[in-house]
Structure formats: structure tokens, C-alpha cells
Amino acid sequence: MGILERFRPPIDEEWRPPALGVCRCENHIEDLLETSIPRADGTGEVTVAELVRSGALATVPAPDRLYVRGVAVNERRGPFHWRVVHHDKLDALYASAAPSSLDDALFVQPHVERVLWLGDRTELAVGAPALCTRGVQAAVVKALGNPRIRVTA
């Protein structure tokens, strides 16, 4: 045990997703199905219901992969409770050169503690222990609604 190990917060490896009604979500995806999100290139809009049908908001709990190891250094990051696996289906809704990125916009949503792009940026790791699956999806939709992720300088 290193000298700084004793100052790390305890690791909770027993997290389980909160059930609907026990969660602390301000919104659930059902509340936002009629919402439209403009495309980053200005060619139109897409509704949240279309995103749900296409699988762009696929959200799965990650109780067995709460921590992620850094690539450049042996640093453990986390805990991350959810994985949003969109497989490039959200790419048209944000601009990579925008002043604010999708992970930044998601990080400022209520009860989201941390966000990290994984691998080739087709998966978001989200640390939000108090949110249920539907609440995480709603937080992603709220982040996609932020106009700063579409505007290029």
C-alpha cells in the first residue's frame, strides 16, 4: 500500500442501478420523446423518439466495469456507472470543433458526477449512481439540446 492509498475514498464495488421511482432523476426519456434536436450541419432536426428507435441512446449499467484504466498512464478513473453506446448515431448532432463538447454538456446535467469518452468515441462512460437508465438517457438528450455543442467558432 502506497503512502497516498490511505487518502483515496473507499471503493464501492457493489453498486446496483436504482429502480424507477427510487432514482433521483429530474427527467426520464419518456418526458422528452417529442423533443426535437437540430443537426449540427443545419440540415434539419431529429426527434428523441427517432433516436430511441435507432438505438442511439442505448444505455447499459456497468456494475462490473466501474473503473477505467488510463491509456497513457496507469491511472484508474471512475467510478462510471453507465455506458451510453451510440455507435456514431449521435455524431450528426454535435460539431467536433464546437466550443463545448458533448461530454462537457453531459457533465453539467444534474446528478452526473463524471463523463469520459471511451475508445473510438462511440461509447460514453457516465458516473451517475443516483440516475436510472431512463434518467441517463434524458440527461444525454438535455446535453444534446445545448446549442454550444453545435456552434463552430
Protein backbone atom coordinates (compact mmCIF):
# COMPACT_ATOMS: atom_id res chain seq x y z
CA MET A 1 0.00 0.00 0.00
CA GLY A 2 1.44 3.33 -1.09
CA ILE A 3 1.58 6.33 1.17
CA LEU A 4 -1.27 8.07 -0.68
CA GLU A 5 -3.52 5.00 -0.85
CA ARG A 6 -4.97 5.73 2.59
CA PHE A 7 -6.30 9.10 1.34
CA ARG A 8 -8.30 7.60 -1.53
CA PRO A 9 -12.03 7.34 -0.97
CA PRO A 10 -13.31 3.81 -0.31
CA ILE A 11 -14.20 1.78 -3.39
CA ASP A 12 -17.83 0.75 -3.63
CA GLU A 13 -17.83 -2.30 -5.90
CA GLU A 14 -21.43 -3.20 -5.01
CA TRP A 15 -23.33 -0.51 -6.94
CA ARG A 16 -26.64 -1.58 -8.46
CA PRO A 17 -28.79 0.57 -10.77
CA PRO A 18 -31.57 2.37 -8.91
CA ALA A 19 -35.09 1.35 -9.83
CA LEU A 20 -37.55 3.73 -11.44
CA GLY A 21 -39.16 5.73 -8.64
CA VAL A 22 -36.21 5.27 -6.30
CA CYS A 23 -33.87 7.22 -8.58
CA ARG A 24 -33.13 10.95 -8.26
CA CYS A 25 -33.78 11.78 -11.92
CA GLU A 26 -35.28 15.15 -12.77
CA ASN A 27 -36.48 13.83 -16.15
CA HIS A 28 -36.95 10.47 -17.80
CA ILE A 29 -36.70 9.77 -21.51
CA GLU A 30 -40.50 9.36 -21.76
CA ASP A 31 -40.89 13.04 -20.84
CA LEU A 32 -38.75 14.13 -23.82
CA LEU A 33 -39.89 11.90 -26.71
CA GLU A 34 -41.47 14.80 -28.63
CA THR A 35 -38.37 17.00 -28.28
CA SER A 36 -36.52 17.84 -31.49
CA ILE A 37 -32.76 18.22 -31.67
CA PRO A 38 -31.22 20.16 -34.59
CA ARG A 39 -28.46 18.57 -36.63
CA ALA A 40 -25.04 20.21 -36.36
CA ASP A 41 -24.87 20.93 -40.09
CA GLY A 42 -28.23 22.73 -40.08
CA THR A 43 -29.97 20.26 -42.41
CA GLY A 44 -32.93 19.61 -40.17
CA GLU A 45 -33.91 18.07 -36.88
CA VAL A 46 -34.33 14.66 -35.34
CA THR A 47 -36.83 13.78 -32.63
CA VAL A 48 -35.87 11.99 -29.45
CA ALA A 49 -38.32 9.21 -30.36
CA GLU A 50 -36.31 8.63 -33.57
CA LEU A 51 -33.09 8.49 -31.55
CA VAL A 52 -34.61 5.92 -29.21
CA ARG A 53 -35.87 3.78 -32.11
CA SER A 54 -32.48 3.89 -33.84
CA GLY A 55 -30.62 2.75 -30.71
CA ALA A 56 -28.60 5.97 -30.48
CA LEU A 57 -29.40 6.25 -26.76
CA ALA A 58 -28.59 2.65 -25.83
CA THR A 59 -27.71 2.83 -22.15
CA VAL A 60 -26.49 -0.11 -20.10
CA PRO A 61 -25.41 -0.32 -16.47
CA ALA A 62 -21.75 -1.08 -15.86
CA PRO A 63 -21.54 -2.63 -12.38
CA ASP A 64 -18.74 -4.96 -13.47
CA ARG A 65 -16.67 -2.19 -15.13
CA LEU A 66 -16.93 0.69 -12.68
CA TYR A 67 -13.34 1.81 -13.20
CA VAL A 68 -11.37 2.53 -16.37
CA ARG A 69 -7.58 2.38 -16.62
CA GLY A 70 -5.85 5.29 -18.33
CA VAL A 71 -4.07 4.54 -21.61
CA ALA A 72 -1.03 6.81 -21.23
CA VAL A 73 -0.54 6.32 -17.50
CA ASN A 74 -1.60 3.63 -15.11
CA GLU A 75 -4.34 5.76 -13.60
CA ARG A 76 -7.69 4.40 -12.53
CA ARG A 77 -10.66 6.64 -13.36
CA GLY A 78 -14.18 6.31 -12.13
CA PRO A 79 -16.46 5.10 -10.90
CA PHE A 80 -18.57 5.03 -14.06
CA HIS A 81 -21.99 3.50 -13.55
CA TRP A 82 -23.42 3.65 -17.07
CA ARG A 83 -22.31 3.16 -20.65
CA VAL A 84 -24.08 5.07 -23.43
CA VAL A 85 -23.23 3.13 -26.58
CA HIS A 86 -24.31 5.16 -29.60
CA HIS A 87 -22.10 3.68 -32.39
CA ASP A 88 -21.73 7.03 -34.22
CA LYS A 89 -25.52 7.59 -34.33
CA LEU A 90 -25.21 10.87 -32.37
CA ASP A 91 -22.31 12.30 -34.40
CA ALA A 92 -24.58 14.39 -36.66
CA LEU A 93 -26.00 16.21 -33.62
CA TYR A 94 -22.80 17.88 -32.40
CA ALA A 95 -19.80 19.54 -34.02
CA SER A 96 -16.34 18.32 -33.09
CA ALA A 97 -14.98 21.90 -33.36
CA ALA A 98 -17.69 23.40 -31.12
CA PRO A 99 -16.63 25.42 -28.04
CA SER A 100 -18.36 22.87 -25.81
CA SER A 101 -18.27 19.12 -26.38
CA LEU A 102 -21.00 16.56 -25.75
CA ASP A 103 -19.21 15.14 -22.72
CA ASP A 104 -18.91 18.65 -21.24
CA ALA A 105 -22.62 19.30 -21.79
CA LEU A 106 -23.49 15.96 -20.21
CA PHE A 107 -21.20 16.55 -17.23
CA VAL A 108 -23.18 19.64 -16.14
CA GLN A 109 -26.50 17.79 -16.04
CA PRO A 110 -28.00 17.24 -12.55
CA HIS A 111 -26.64 14.19 -10.68
CA VAL A 112 -23.98 13.41 -13.31
CA GLU A 113 -20.65 13.19 -11.49
CA ARG A 114 -18.23 12.31 -14.32
CA VAL A 115 -18.16 11.58 -18.05
CA LEU A 116 -15.46 10.05 -20.20
CA TRP A 117 -15.30 9.10 -23.88
CA LEU A 118 -14.11 5.52 -24.29
CA GLY A 119 -12.12 4.01 -27.13
CA ASP A 120 -13.03 5.41 -30.51
CA ARG A 121 -15.63 7.84 -29.10
CA THR A 122 -18.60 5.58 -29.80
CA GLU A 123 -19.21 4.98 -26.11
CA LEU A 124 -19.62 7.37 -23.19
CA ALA A 125 -18.87 6.24 -19.65
CA VAL A 126 -21.11 8.13 -17.23
CA GLY A 127 -20.71 8.31 -13.47
CA ALA A 128 -24.23 8.88 -12.18
CA PRO A 129 -25.07 6.48 -9.35
CA ALA A 130 -28.40 8.10 -8.47
CA LEU A 131 -29.85 8.01 -12.01
CA CYS A 132 -31.79 5.15 -13.57
CA THR A 133 -31.40 4.07 -17.20
CA ARG A 134 -34.20 6.35 -18.39
CA GLY A 135 -32.74 9.27 -16.44
CA VAL A 136 -29.31 8.83 -18.01
CA GLN A 137 -30.94 8.83 -21.45
CA ALA A 138 -32.81 12.02 -20.56
CA ALA A 139 -29.55 13.63 -19.38
CA VAL A 140 -27.94 12.80 -22.74
CA VAL A 141 -30.92 14.37 -24.54
CA LYS A 142 -30.65 17.51 -22.41
CA ALA A 143 -26.94 17.67 -23.25
CA LEU A 144 -27.73 17.29 -26.96
CA GLY A 145 -30.15 20.20 -26.63
CA ASN A 146 -27.32 22.54 -25.66
CA PRO A 147 -26.66 24.82 -28.68
CA ARG A 148 -22.99 25.28 -27.73
CA ILE A 149 -22.20 21.74 -28.92
CA ARG A 150 -23.26 22.61 -32.49
CA VAL A 151 -21.82 26.12 -32.98
CA THR A 152 -18.38 26.35 -34.54
CA ALA A 153 -16.20 29.37 -33.86
